[in-house]
Amino acid sequence: MTVDDVAASRDFLLTHFGYTQVTAADGFASLTRDDAAVDIVLLERGIEVLPPEQRDQRASGLILAFTVTGIADHEERLRKAGAPVTMPLREEPWGERLFQVTDPNGIVLQLVEWA
Protein backbone atom coordinates (compact mmCIF):
# COMPACT_ATOMS: atom_id res chain seq x y z
CA MET A 1 0.00 0.00 0.00
CA THR A 2 1.26 3.42 -0.86
CA VAL A 3 0.80 5.94 1.96
CA ASP A 4 2.07 9.37 2.94
CA ASP A 5 3.36 8.29 6.35
CA VAL A 6 4.74 4.74 6.47
CA ALA A 7 5.59 4.96 10.19
CA ALA A 8 2.02 5.95 11.12
CA SER A 9 0.42 2.99 9.33
CA ARG A 10 3.16 0.64 10.52
CA ASP A 11 2.72 1.68 14.15
CA PHE A 12 -1.08 1.39 13.88
CA LEU A 13 -0.82 -2.18 12.57
CA LEU A 14 1.84 -3.15 15.12
CA THR A 15 -0.14 -1.69 18.03
CA HIS A 16 -3.70 -2.65 17.16
CA PHE A 17 -3.45 -5.69 14.89
CA GLY A 18 -0.50 -7.66 16.23
CA TYR A 19 1.74 -7.36 13.19
CA THR A 20 5.52 -7.43 13.53
CA GLN A 21 7.98 -5.66 11.31
CA VAL A 22 10.04 -8.00 9.14
CA THR A 23 12.17 -5.39 7.44
CA ALA A 24 12.24 -1.66 6.87
CA ALA A 25 14.16 1.01 5.03
CA ASP A 26 13.62 4.67 4.29
CA GLY A 27 10.06 4.88 2.93
CA PHE A 28 9.35 1.16 3.27
CA ALA A 29 8.13 -1.35 5.85
CA SER A 30 7.18 -5.02 5.52
CA LEU A 31 4.87 -6.45 8.20
CA THR A 32 3.77 -9.98 9.03
CA ARG A 33 1.79 -12.02 11.52
CA ASP A 34 2.40 -15.66 12.34
CA ASP A 35 -1.31 -16.44 11.96
CA ALA A 36 -2.15 -14.17 9.02
CA ALA A 37 -2.44 -15.27 5.44
CA VAL A 38 -1.34 -11.84 4.20
CA ASP A 39 1.77 -9.81 4.85
CA ILE A 40 1.49 -6.05 4.43
CA VAL A 41 4.00 -3.91 2.58
CA LEU A 42 3.86 -0.15 3.11
CA LEU A 43 5.57 2.19 0.67
CA GLU A 44 5.93 5.94 0.97
CA ARG A 45 4.12 7.86 -1.75
CA GLY A 46 6.66 9.08 -4.30
CA ILE A 47 9.25 6.40 -3.54
CA GLU A 48 11.39 5.73 -6.59
CA VAL A 49 11.24 1.92 -6.36
CA LEU A 50 7.71 2.16 -7.78
CA PRO A 51 7.12 2.63 -11.50
CA PRO A 52 6.59 6.34 -12.31
CA GLU A 53 2.86 5.89 -12.95
CA GLN A 54 2.36 4.45 -9.43
CA ARG A 55 4.53 6.80 -7.36
CA ASP A 56 1.91 9.43 -6.59
CA GLN A 57 -0.96 7.04 -5.91
CA ARG A 58 -2.32 6.60 -2.39
CA ALA A 59 -4.11 3.61 -0.97
CA SER A 60 -7.76 4.57 -1.37
CA GLY A 61 -10.94 2.60 -1.64
CA LEU A 62 -9.09 -0.32 -0.07
CA ILE A 63 -10.62 -2.22 2.84
CA LEU A 64 -8.48 -4.79 4.63
CA ALA A 65 -10.91 -7.33 6.07
CA PHE A 66 -10.03 -9.66 8.94
CA THR A 67 -12.33 -12.54 9.90
CA VAL A 68 -12.50 -12.87 13.68
CA THR A 69 -14.50 -14.51 16.46
CA GLY A 70 -15.71 -12.54 19.45
CA ILE A 71 -16.12 -9.38 17.39
CA ALA A 72 -17.68 -7.32 20.21
CA ASP A 73 -14.56 -7.94 22.31
CA HIS A 74 -12.36 -6.79 19.42
CA GLU A 75 -14.36 -3.58 19.02
CA GLU A 76 -14.15 -2.87 22.75
CA ARG A 77 -10.39 -3.59 22.78
CA LEU A 78 -9.74 -1.25 19.86
CA ARG A 79 -11.93 1.53 21.30
CA LYS A 80 -10.14 1.31 24.66
CA ALA A 81 -6.77 1.42 22.87
CA GLY A 82 -7.81 4.62 21.10
CA ALA A 83 -8.19 3.26 17.57
CA PRO A 84 -10.73 5.37 15.67
CA VAL A 85 -13.82 3.22 15.10
CA THR A 86 -15.20 4.77 11.94
CA MET A 87 -18.10 2.36 11.49
CA PRO A 88 -19.58 0.96 14.71
CA LEU A 89 -20.40 -2.69 15.13
CA ARG A 90 -23.47 -3.70 13.16
CA GLU A 91 -25.16 -6.82 11.85
CA GLU A 92 -26.18 -7.18 8.24
CA PRO A 93 -29.44 -8.97 7.28
CA TRP A 94 -27.46 -11.93 5.91
CA GLY A 95 -25.78 -12.52 9.29
CA GLU A 96 -22.43 -10.80 8.89
CA ARG A 97 -21.33 -8.74 11.91
CA LEU A 98 -18.72 -6.09 11.22
CA PHE A 99 -17.11 -2.82 12.21
CA GLN A 100 -14.33 -0.66 10.81
CA VAL A 101 -11.38 1.32 12.09
CA THR A 102 -9.30 3.71 10.01
CA ASP A 103 -5.55 4.17 10.32
CA PRO A 104 -3.79 7.58 10.22
CA ASN A 105 -3.34 7.34 6.42
CA GLY A 106 -7.01 6.56 5.79
CA ILE A 107 -6.63 2.80 5.34
CA VAL A 108 -9.86 1.12 6.39
CA LEU A 109 -9.53 -2.09 8.40
CA GLN A 110 -12.74 -4.08 8.74
CA LEU A 111 -13.29 -6.85 11.26
CA VAL A 112 -15.92 -9.40 10.28
CA GLU A 113 -17.61 -12.25 12.12
CA TRP A 114 -19.95 -14.63 10.36
CA ALA A 115 -23.03 -15.92 12.16
C-alpha atoms as a PDB file:
ATOM      1  CA  MET A   1       0.000   0.000   0.000  1.00  0.00           C
ATOM      2  CA  THR A   2       1.263   3.424  -0.857  1.00  0.00           C
ATOM      3  CA  VAL A   3       0.797   5.936   1.959  1.00  0.00           C
ATOM      4  CA  ASP A   4       2.068   9.371   2.936  1.00  0.00           C
ATOM      5  CA  ASP A   5       3.361   8.293   6.354  1.00  0.00           C
ATOM      6  CA  VAL A   6       4.743   4.739   6.474  1.00  0.00           C
ATOM      7  CA  ALA A   7       5.593   4.957  10.188  1.00  0.00           C
ATOM      8  CA  ALA A   8       2.024   5.949  11.122  1.00  0.00           C
ATOM      9  CA  SER A   9       0.420   2.991   9.328  1.00  0.00           C
ATOM     10  CA  ARG A  10       3.163   0.641  10.523  1.00  0.00           C
ATOM     11  CA  ASP A  11       2.719   1.683  14.153  1.00  0.00           C
ATOM     12  CA  PHE A  12      -1.080   1.386  13.882  1.00  0.00           C
ATOM     13  CA  LEU A  13      -0.820  -2.181  12.566  1.00  0.00           C
ATOM     14  CA  LEU A  14       1.835  -3.147  15.122  1.00  0.00           C
ATOM     15  CA  THR A  15      -0.141  -1.688  18.031  1.00  0.00           C
ATOM     16  CA  HIS A  16      -3.702  -2.646  17.160  1.00  0.00           C
ATOM     17  CA  PHE A  17      -3.454  -5.693  14.889  1.00  0.00           C
ATOM     18  CA  GLY A  18      -0.504  -7.662  16.232  1.00  0.00           C
ATOM     19  CA  TYR A  19       1.738  -7.356  13.195  1.00  0.00           C
ATOM     20  CA  THR A  20       5.515  -7.426  13.528  1.00  0.00           C
ATOM     21  CA  GLN A  21       7.984  -5.659  11.310  1.00  0.00           C
ATOM     22  CA  VAL A  22      10.039  -7.997   9.140  1.00  0.00           C
ATOM     23  CA  THR A  23      12.171  -5.386   7.439  1.00  0.00           C
ATOM     24  CA  ALA A  24      12.240  -1.659   6.871  1.00  0.00           C
ATOM     25  CA  ALA A  25      14.163   1.012   5.032  1.00  0.00           C
ATOM     26  CA  ASP A  26      13.620   4.674   4.290  1.00  0.00           C
ATOM     27  CA  GLY A  27      10.058   4.882   2.934  1.00  0.00           C
ATOM     28  CA  PHE A  28       9.349   1.162   3.266  1.00  0.00           C
ATOM     29  CA  ALA A  29       8.126  -1.352   5.850  1.00  0.00           C
ATOM     30  CA  SER A  30       7.183  -5.019   5.520  1.00  0.00           C
ATOM     31  CA  LEU A  31       4.874  -6.450   8.197  1.00  0.00           C
ATOM     32  CA  THR A  32       3.775  -9.982   9.031  1.00  0.00           C
ATOM     33  CA  ARG A  33       1.789 -12.022  11.521  1.00  0.00           C
ATOM     34  CA  ASP A  34       2.400 -15.664  12.340  1.00  0.00           C
ATOM     35  CA  ASP A  35      -1.311 -16.445  11.961  1.00  0.00           C
ATOM     36  CA  ALA A  36      -2.146 -14.173   9.021  1.00  0.00           C
ATOM     37  CA  ALA A  37      -2.445 -15.265   5.436  1.00  0.00           C
ATOM     38  CA  VAL A  38      -1.336 -11.844   4.202  1.00  0.00           C
ATOM     39  CA  ASP A  39       1.773  -9.808   4.848  1.00  0.00           C
ATOM     40  CA  ILE A  40       1.491  -6.054   4.431  1.00  0.00           C
ATOM     41  CA  VAL A  41       4.001  -3.906   2.582  1.00  0.00           C
ATOM     42  CA  LEU A  42       3.856  -0.153   3.110  1.00  0.00           C
ATOM     43  CA  LEU A  43       5.572   2.193   0.668  1.00  0.00           C
ATOM     44  CA  GLU A  44       5.926   5.943   0.971  1.00  0.00           C
ATOM     45  CA  ARG A  45       4.121   7.860  -1.745  1.00  0.00           C
ATOM     46  CA  GLY A  46       6.662   9.084  -4.302  1.00  0.00           C
ATOM     47  CA  ILE A  47       9.248   6.395  -3.538  1.00  0.00           C
ATOM     48  CA  GLU A  48      11.392   5.730  -6.586  1.00  0.00           C
ATOM     49  CA  VAL A  49      11.238   1.918  -6.362  1.00  0.00           C
ATOM     50  CA  LEU A  50       7.709   2.164  -7.783  1.00  0.00           C
ATOM     51  CA  PRO A  51       7.123   2.634 -11.498  1.00  0.00           C
ATOM     52  CA  PRO A  52       6.590   6.335 -12.306  1.00  0.00           C
ATOM     53  CA  GLU A  53       2.865   5.886 -12.952  1.00  0.00           C
ATOM     54  CA  GLN A  54       2.359   4.450  -9.432  1.00  0.00           C
ATOM     55  CA  ARG A  55       4.529   6.797  -7.360  1.00  0.00           C
ATOM     56  CA  ASP A  56       1.907   9.429  -6.587  1.00  0.00           C
ATOM     57  CA  GLN A  57      -0.957   7.040  -5.905  1.00  0.00           C
ATOM     58  CA  ARG A  58      -2.317   6.595  -2.388  1.00  0.00           C
ATOM     59  CA  ALA A  59      -4.113   3.606  -0.966  1.00  0.00           C
ATOM     60  CA  SER A  60      -7.764   4.569  -1.369  1.00  0.00           C
ATOM     61  CA  GLY A  61     -10.937   2.596  -1.638  1.00  0.00           C
ATOM     62  CA  LEU A  62      -9.089  -0.323  -0.075  1.00  0.00           C
ATOM     63  CA  ILE A  63     -10.622  -2.216   2.839  1.00  0.00           C
ATOM     64  CA  LEU A  64      -8.479  -4.787   4.632  1.00  0.00           C
ATOM     65  CA  ALA A  65     -10.906  -7.328   6.066  1.00  0.00           C
ATOM     66  CA  PHE A  66     -10.028  -9.660   8.936  1.00  0.00           C
ATOM     67  CA  THR A  67     -12.331 -12.535   9.903  1.00  0.00           C
ATOM     68  CA  VAL A  68     -12.497 -12.872  13.684  1.00  0.00           C
ATOM     69  CA  THR A  69     -14.499 -14.506  16.456  1.00  0.00           C
ATOM     70  CA  GLY A  70     -15.710 -12.542  19.452  1.00  0.00           C
ATOM     71  CA  ILE A  71     -16.124  -9.383  17.388  1.00  0.00           C
ATOM     72  CA  ALA A  72     -17.676  -7.319  20.209  1.00  0.00           C
ATOM     73  CA  ASP A  73     -14.560  -7.943  22.306  1.00  0.00           C
ATOM     74  CA  HIS A  74     -12.358  -6.790  19.418  1.00  0.00           C
ATOM     75  CA  GLU A  75     -14.357  -3.582  19.021  1.00  0.00           C
ATOM     76  CA  GLU A  76     -14.147  -2.870  22.749  1.00  0.00           C
ATOM     77  CA  ARG A  77     -10.386  -3.589  22.780  1.00  0.00           C
ATOM     78  CA  LEU A  78      -9.740  -1.252  19.859  1.00  0.00           C
ATOM     79  CA  ARG A  79     -11.928   1.527  21.305  1.00  0.00           C
ATOM     80  CA  LYS A  80     -10.135   1.307  24.660  1.00  0.00           C
ATOM     81  CA  ALA A  81      -6.775   1.418  22.865  1.00  0.00           C
ATOM     82  CA  GLY A  82      -7.809   4.624  21.096  1.00  0.00           C
ATOM     83  CA  ALA A  83      -8.193   3.262  17.573  1.00  0.00           C
ATOM     84  CA  PRO A  84     -10.731   5.374  15.673  1.00  0.00           C
ATOM     85  CA  VAL A  85     -13.818   3.222  15.104  1.00  0.00           C
ATOM     86  CA  THR A  86     -15.196   4.771  11.936  1.00  0.00           C
ATOM     87  CA  MET A  87     -18.102   2.358  11.488  1.00  0.00           C
ATOM     88  CA  PRO A  88     -19.577   0.964  14.706  1.00  0.00           C
ATOM     89  CA  LEU A  89     -20.403  -2.690  15.128  1.00  0.00           C
ATOM     90  CA  ARG A  90     -23.473  -3.697  13.162  1.00  0.00           C
ATOM     91  CA  GLU A  91     -25.156  -6.819  11.853  1.00  0.00           C
ATOM     92  CA  GLU A  92     -26.185  -7.183   8.243  1.00  0.00           C
ATOM     93  CA  PRO A  93     -29.437  -8.968   7.284  1.00  0.00           C
ATOM     94  CA  TRP A  94     -27.456 -11.927   5.910  1.00  0.00           C
ATOM     95  CA  GLY A  95     -25.781 -12.524   9.290  1.00  0.00           C
ATOM     96  CA  GLU A  96     -22.432 -10.800   8.890  1.00  0.00           C
ATOM     97  CA  ARG A  97     -21.329  -8.738  11.911  1.00  0.00           C
ATOM     98  CA  LEU A  98     -18.719  -6.093  11.223  1.00  0.00           C
ATOM     99  CA  PHE A  99     -17.106  -2.822  12.213  1.00  0.00           C
ATOM    100  CA  GLN A 100     -14.334  -0.660  10.810  1.00  0.00           C
ATOM    101  CA  VAL A 101     -11.380   1.324  12.087  1.00  0.00           C
ATOM    102  CA  THR A 102      -9.297   3.708  10.007  1.00  0.00           C
ATOM    103  CA  ASP A 103      -5.550   4.168  10.319  1.00  0.00           C
ATOM    104  CA  PRO A 104      -3.792   7.577  10.217  1.00  0.00           C
ATOM    105  CA  ASN A 105      -3.338   7.343   6.424  1.00  0.00           C
ATOM    106  CA  GLY A 106      -7.009   6.559   5.788  1.00  0.00           C
ATOM    107  CA  ILE A 107      -6.633   2.797   5.336  1.00  0.00           C
ATOM    108  CA  VAL A 108      -9.865   1.117   6.393  1.00  0.00           C
ATOM    109  CA  LEU A 109      -9.530  -2.087   8.396  1.00  0.00           C
ATOM    110  CA  GLN A 110     -12.736  -4.075   8.739  1.00  0.00           C
ATOM    111  CA  LEU A 111     -13.290  -6.849  11.255  1.00  0.00           C
ATOM    112  CA  VAL A 112     -15.925  -9.397  10.282  1.00  0.00           C
ATOM    113  CA  GLU A 113     -17.606 -12.251  12.120  1.00  0.00           C
ATOM    114  CA  TRP A 114     -19.950 -14.628  10.362  1.00  0.00           C
ATOM    115  CA  ALA A 115     -23.033 -15.919  12.163  1.00  0.00           C
END
